[in-house]
Structures are given as C-alpha cells and as structure tokens.
N, C-alpha and C. Protein backbone atom coordinates (compact mmCIF):
# COMPACT_ATOMS: atom_id res chain seq x y z
N MET A 1 18.14 5.46 -21.77
CA MET A 1 18.51 4.90 -20.49
C MET A 1 17.86 3.53 -20.33
N LYS A 2 18.66 2.57 -19.96
CA LYS A 2 18.17 1.21 -19.77
C LYS A 2 17.77 1.02 -18.31
N LEU A 3 16.66 0.32 -18.10
CA LEU A 3 16.17 0.05 -16.75
C LEU A 3 16.60 -1.35 -16.31
N ASP A 4 16.92 -1.49 -15.05
CA ASP A 4 17.22 -2.80 -14.48
C ASP A 4 15.89 -3.42 -14.07
N SER A 5 15.40 -4.34 -14.88
CA SER A 5 14.07 -4.92 -14.69
C SER A 5 13.89 -5.58 -13.33
N LEU A 6 14.88 -6.33 -12.88
CA LEU A 6 14.76 -7.04 -11.61
C LEU A 6 14.78 -6.08 -10.42
N ARG A 7 15.63 -5.07 -10.48
CA ARG A 7 15.68 -4.10 -9.37
C ARG A 7 14.38 -3.30 -9.30
N LEU A 8 13.87 -2.90 -10.47
CA LEU A 8 12.61 -2.16 -10.48
C LEU A 8 11.48 -3.04 -9.95
N ALA A 9 11.42 -4.29 -10.38
CA ALA A 9 10.39 -5.22 -9.91
C ALA A 9 10.46 -5.37 -8.39
N GLY A 10 11.66 -5.52 -7.87
CA GLY A 10 11.83 -5.65 -6.42
C GLY A 10 11.42 -4.40 -5.66
N ALA A 11 11.77 -3.24 -6.19
CA ALA A 11 11.41 -1.98 -5.53
C ALA A 11 9.91 -1.77 -5.53
N VAL A 12 9.27 -2.04 -6.65
CA VAL A 12 7.81 -1.87 -6.74
C VAL A 12 7.11 -2.89 -5.83
N ALA A 13 7.58 -4.12 -5.82
CA ALA A 13 6.99 -5.13 -4.95
C ALA A 13 7.12 -4.72 -3.48
N ALA A 14 8.27 -4.20 -3.10
CA ALA A 14 8.48 -3.76 -1.71
C ALA A 14 7.56 -2.59 -1.37
N ALA A 15 7.40 -1.65 -2.30
CA ALA A 15 6.53 -0.50 -2.06
C ALA A 15 5.07 -0.93 -1.90
N PHE A 16 4.61 -1.85 -2.75
CA PHE A 16 3.25 -2.34 -2.63
C PHE A 16 3.07 -3.15 -1.35
N GLY A 17 4.09 -3.91 -0.96
CA GLY A 17 4.02 -4.66 0.29
C GLY A 17 3.89 -3.73 1.49
N LEU A 18 4.64 -2.63 1.47
CA LEU A 18 4.55 -1.65 2.54
C LEU A 18 3.17 -1.00 2.56
N ALA A 19 2.67 -0.63 1.38
CA ALA A 19 1.34 -0.02 1.30
C ALA A 19 0.26 -0.98 1.84
N TRP A 20 0.35 -2.25 1.48
CA TRP A 20 -0.62 -3.25 1.95
C TRP A 20 -0.55 -3.39 3.48
N THR A 21 0.65 -3.39 4.02
CA THR A 21 0.83 -3.52 5.46
C THR A 21 0.24 -2.32 6.20
N VAL A 22 0.53 -1.12 5.72
CA VAL A 22 -0.01 0.10 6.34
C VAL A 22 -1.53 0.11 6.26
N CYS A 23 -2.06 -0.22 5.09
CA CYS A 23 -3.51 -0.24 4.91
C CYS A 23 -4.16 -1.27 5.83
N SER A 24 -3.57 -2.44 5.94
CA SER A 24 -4.12 -3.48 6.81
C SER A 24 -4.11 -3.06 8.27
N LEU A 25 -3.03 -2.40 8.69
CA LEU A 25 -2.96 -1.90 10.06
C LEU A 25 -4.03 -0.85 10.31
N LEU A 26 -4.23 0.04 9.36
CA LEU A 26 -5.26 1.06 9.50
C LEU A 26 -6.65 0.45 9.58
N VAL A 27 -6.89 -0.62 8.82
CA VAL A 27 -8.19 -1.29 8.87
C VAL A 27 -8.42 -1.89 10.26
N VAL A 28 -7.38 -2.42 10.87
CA VAL A 28 -7.52 -3.01 12.21
C VAL A 28 -7.76 -1.91 13.25
N VAL A 29 -7.05 -0.78 13.12
CA VAL A 29 -7.13 0.30 14.11
C VAL A 29 -8.36 1.18 13.90
N LEU A 30 -8.71 1.47 12.66
CA LEU A 30 -9.82 2.38 12.34
C LEU A 30 -10.80 1.75 11.34
N PRO A 31 -11.46 0.67 11.72
CA PRO A 31 -12.31 -0.03 10.76
C PRO A 31 -13.48 0.81 10.23
N GLY A 32 -14.17 1.54 11.08
CA GLY A 32 -15.33 2.32 10.67
C GLY A 32 -14.99 3.41 9.66
N PRO A 33 -14.04 4.29 10.00
CA PRO A 33 -13.68 5.35 9.05
C PRO A 33 -13.14 4.81 7.73
N LEU A 34 -12.39 3.73 7.78
CA LEU A 34 -11.86 3.18 6.52
C LEU A 34 -12.94 2.52 5.68
N MET A 35 -13.96 1.95 6.32
CA MET A 35 -15.08 1.39 5.55
C MET A 35 -15.83 2.53 4.87
N MET A 36 -15.98 3.66 5.58
CA MET A 36 -16.66 4.81 5.00
C MET A 36 -15.87 5.37 3.81
N ILE A 37 -14.56 5.49 3.96
CA ILE A 37 -13.71 5.97 2.87
C ILE A 37 -13.78 5.02 1.68
N THR A 38 -13.73 3.72 1.94
CA THR A 38 -13.81 2.73 0.87
C THR A 38 -15.15 2.84 0.15
N GLY A 39 -16.22 3.02 0.90
CA GLY A 39 -17.53 3.20 0.29
C GLY A 39 -17.57 4.42 -0.62
N HIS A 40 -16.98 5.51 -0.18
CA HIS A 40 -16.93 6.71 -1.02
C HIS A 40 -16.12 6.46 -2.28
N MET A 41 -15.03 5.72 -2.16
CA MET A 41 -14.18 5.44 -3.32
C MET A 41 -14.92 4.59 -4.36
N PHE A 42 -15.79 3.70 -3.90
CA PHE A 42 -16.54 2.82 -4.80
C PHE A 42 -17.94 3.35 -5.10
N HIS A 43 -18.27 4.54 -4.59
CA HIS A 43 -19.60 5.12 -4.79
C HIS A 43 -20.67 4.13 -4.36
N ALA A 44 -20.48 3.57 -3.17
CA ALA A 44 -21.40 2.54 -2.68
C ALA A 44 -21.64 2.72 -1.18
N ASP A 45 -22.75 2.18 -0.73
CA ASP A 45 -23.06 2.18 0.70
C ASP A 45 -22.58 0.85 1.28
N LEU A 46 -21.47 0.90 1.99
CA LEU A 46 -20.90 -0.31 2.58
C LEU A 46 -21.14 -0.37 4.08
N SER A 47 -22.06 0.45 4.57
CA SER A 47 -22.27 0.54 6.01
C SER A 47 -22.72 -0.78 6.64
N GLY A 48 -23.33 -1.67 5.86
CA GLY A 48 -23.79 -2.96 6.40
C GLY A 48 -22.71 -4.03 6.39
N LEU A 49 -21.53 -3.69 5.93
CA LEU A 49 -20.44 -4.67 5.85
C LEU A 49 -19.43 -4.46 6.97
N GLU A 50 -18.64 -5.46 7.22
CA GLU A 50 -17.54 -5.31 8.17
C GLU A 50 -16.28 -5.95 7.60
N TRP A 51 -15.15 -5.46 8.07
CA TRP A 51 -13.86 -5.98 7.63
C TRP A 51 -13.60 -7.33 8.29
N LYS A 52 -13.01 -8.23 7.55
CA LYS A 52 -12.57 -9.52 8.09
C LYS A 52 -11.10 -9.66 7.69
N ILE A 53 -10.22 -9.41 8.61
CA ILE A 53 -8.80 -9.53 8.30
C ILE A 53 -8.12 -10.33 9.40
N GLY A 54 -7.47 -11.39 9.00
CA GLY A 54 -6.71 -12.22 9.92
C GLY A 54 -5.34 -12.49 9.30
N ALA A 55 -4.54 -13.24 9.98
CA ALA A 55 -3.18 -13.52 9.50
C ALA A 55 -3.18 -14.19 8.11
N PRO A 56 -4.01 -15.21 7.87
CA PRO A 56 -3.98 -15.83 6.53
C PRO A 56 -4.38 -14.85 5.43
N GLY A 57 -5.41 -14.04 5.67
CA GLY A 57 -5.83 -13.07 4.67
C GLY A 57 -4.79 -12.00 4.44
N PHE A 58 -4.14 -11.57 5.52
CA PHE A 58 -3.09 -10.56 5.39
C PHE A 58 -1.94 -11.10 4.54
N VAL A 59 -1.48 -12.30 4.84
CA VAL A 59 -0.36 -12.89 4.11
C VAL A 59 -0.73 -13.15 2.64
N ALA A 60 -1.94 -13.66 2.40
CA ALA A 60 -2.37 -13.92 1.03
C ALA A 60 -2.42 -12.62 0.22
N GLY A 61 -2.99 -11.58 0.81
CA GLY A 61 -3.05 -10.29 0.14
C GLY A 61 -1.67 -9.70 -0.10
N LEU A 62 -0.81 -9.81 0.90
CA LEU A 62 0.55 -9.30 0.78
C LEU A 62 1.29 -9.98 -0.38
N LEU A 63 1.22 -11.30 -0.42
CA LEU A 63 1.88 -12.03 -1.50
C LEU A 63 1.28 -11.70 -2.87
N ALA A 64 -0.04 -11.64 -2.93
CA ALA A 64 -0.70 -11.35 -4.21
C ALA A 64 -0.30 -9.98 -4.73
N TRP A 65 -0.33 -8.96 -3.86
CA TRP A 65 0.04 -7.61 -4.31
C TRP A 65 1.51 -7.52 -4.67
N MET A 66 2.37 -8.13 -3.88
CA MET A 66 3.81 -8.03 -4.17
C MET A 66 4.18 -8.77 -5.45
N ILE A 67 3.64 -9.96 -5.64
CA ILE A 67 3.98 -10.74 -6.83
C ILE A 67 3.42 -10.07 -8.09
N SER A 68 2.15 -9.67 -8.04
CA SER A 68 1.55 -9.08 -9.24
C SER A 68 2.17 -7.72 -9.57
N SER A 69 2.40 -6.88 -8.59
CA SER A 69 2.98 -5.56 -8.88
C SER A 69 4.42 -5.69 -9.35
N GLY A 70 5.18 -6.59 -8.73
CA GLY A 70 6.56 -6.80 -9.16
C GLY A 70 6.64 -7.35 -10.57
N ALA A 71 5.75 -8.29 -10.89
CA ALA A 71 5.74 -8.86 -12.24
C ALA A 71 5.39 -7.81 -13.28
N ILE A 72 4.38 -6.99 -13.00
CA ILE A 72 4.00 -5.94 -13.95
C ILE A 72 5.13 -4.93 -14.14
N ALA A 73 5.79 -4.54 -13.05
CA ALA A 73 6.90 -3.59 -13.16
C ALA A 73 8.06 -4.21 -13.94
N GLY A 74 8.38 -5.46 -13.69
CA GLY A 74 9.47 -6.13 -14.40
C GLY A 74 9.19 -6.27 -15.88
N ILE A 75 7.96 -6.64 -16.21
CA ILE A 75 7.57 -6.78 -17.62
C ILE A 75 7.60 -5.42 -18.31
N THR A 76 7.10 -4.40 -17.63
CA THR A 76 7.12 -3.05 -18.19
C THR A 76 8.54 -2.59 -18.49
N ALA A 77 9.45 -2.81 -17.55
CA ALA A 77 10.85 -2.42 -17.75
C ALA A 77 11.48 -3.20 -18.89
N ALA A 78 11.19 -4.50 -18.96
CA ALA A 78 11.76 -5.32 -20.03
C ALA A 78 11.26 -4.85 -21.40
N LEU A 79 9.97 -4.54 -21.50
CA LEU A 79 9.43 -4.03 -22.76
C LEU A 79 10.04 -2.67 -23.11
N TYR A 80 10.21 -1.85 -22.13
CA TYR A 80 10.84 -0.55 -22.35
C TYR A 80 12.26 -0.74 -22.89
N ASN A 81 13.00 -1.66 -22.27
CA ASN A 81 14.38 -1.91 -22.69
C ASN A 81 14.46 -2.51 -24.10
N LYS A 82 13.44 -3.24 -24.50
CA LYS A 82 13.43 -3.85 -25.84
C LYS A 82 13.11 -2.83 -26.93
N GLY A 83 12.73 -1.63 -26.53
CA GLY A 83 12.45 -0.60 -27.51
C GLY A 83 11.02 -0.58 -27.98
N ILE A 84 10.12 -1.20 -27.18
CA ILE A 84 8.71 -1.18 -27.55
C ILE A 84 8.22 0.27 -27.51
N THR A 85 8.68 1.01 -26.52
CA THR A 85 8.32 2.44 -26.47
C THR A 85 9.46 3.23 -27.09
N LYS A 86 9.13 4.04 -28.05
CA LYS A 86 10.14 4.82 -28.75
C LYS A 86 10.26 6.20 -28.11
N PRO A 87 11.48 6.68 -27.92
CA PRO A 87 11.63 8.02 -27.32
C PRO A 87 11.14 9.10 -28.29
N ARG A 88 10.63 10.15 -27.71
CA ARG A 88 10.17 11.27 -28.52
C ARG A 88 11.37 12.04 -29.05
N GLU A 89 11.26 12.48 -30.27
CA GLU A 89 12.37 13.23 -30.86
C GLU A 89 12.01 14.67 -31.03
C-alpha cells in the first residue's frame, strides 16, 4: 500500500497543532497541576518555576510543532513508499 506523503504530513501537522493548542489552554487554565505533572514526567522538582505563555510563544510553538511533525511524517511516508522498509513475508 502506498502512502500519500502530503496528506499524511498535513494530517499529522493538524493533529500536533490541535494537541499544542489544547495543552496551551490547559496550561493557562490549570498552571499548578500541569507544572506538577510536567515535573513528574521529567523526574524533576519544578515547583519553583512558573509558566510563561503569551501569544508570540503560543504561535512560535504551534508553528514549530506543526512544521517539524509534518516534515517528519512526510519524510517517513516518502521513505516507506520508496521501499526503504521491506514488508514481512
């Protein structure tokens, strides 16, 4: 089965953009609990830190995640289509 590299890249970029938006909204609404969860994920004490999120940071992060995730998905699909990964027999 051949993958449509551009469609996959667009879908992955959109999914990551949605995830970034939801995460950013949660950080604004629930900063304390999300800092605690982030600290647990990194096995670190982040209690002395605070979130700094504004419109420029949100947009920069959104673009960075969408572009990088879309590019990785597109490259992965293109490599798959070129036969870099061989199907199991």
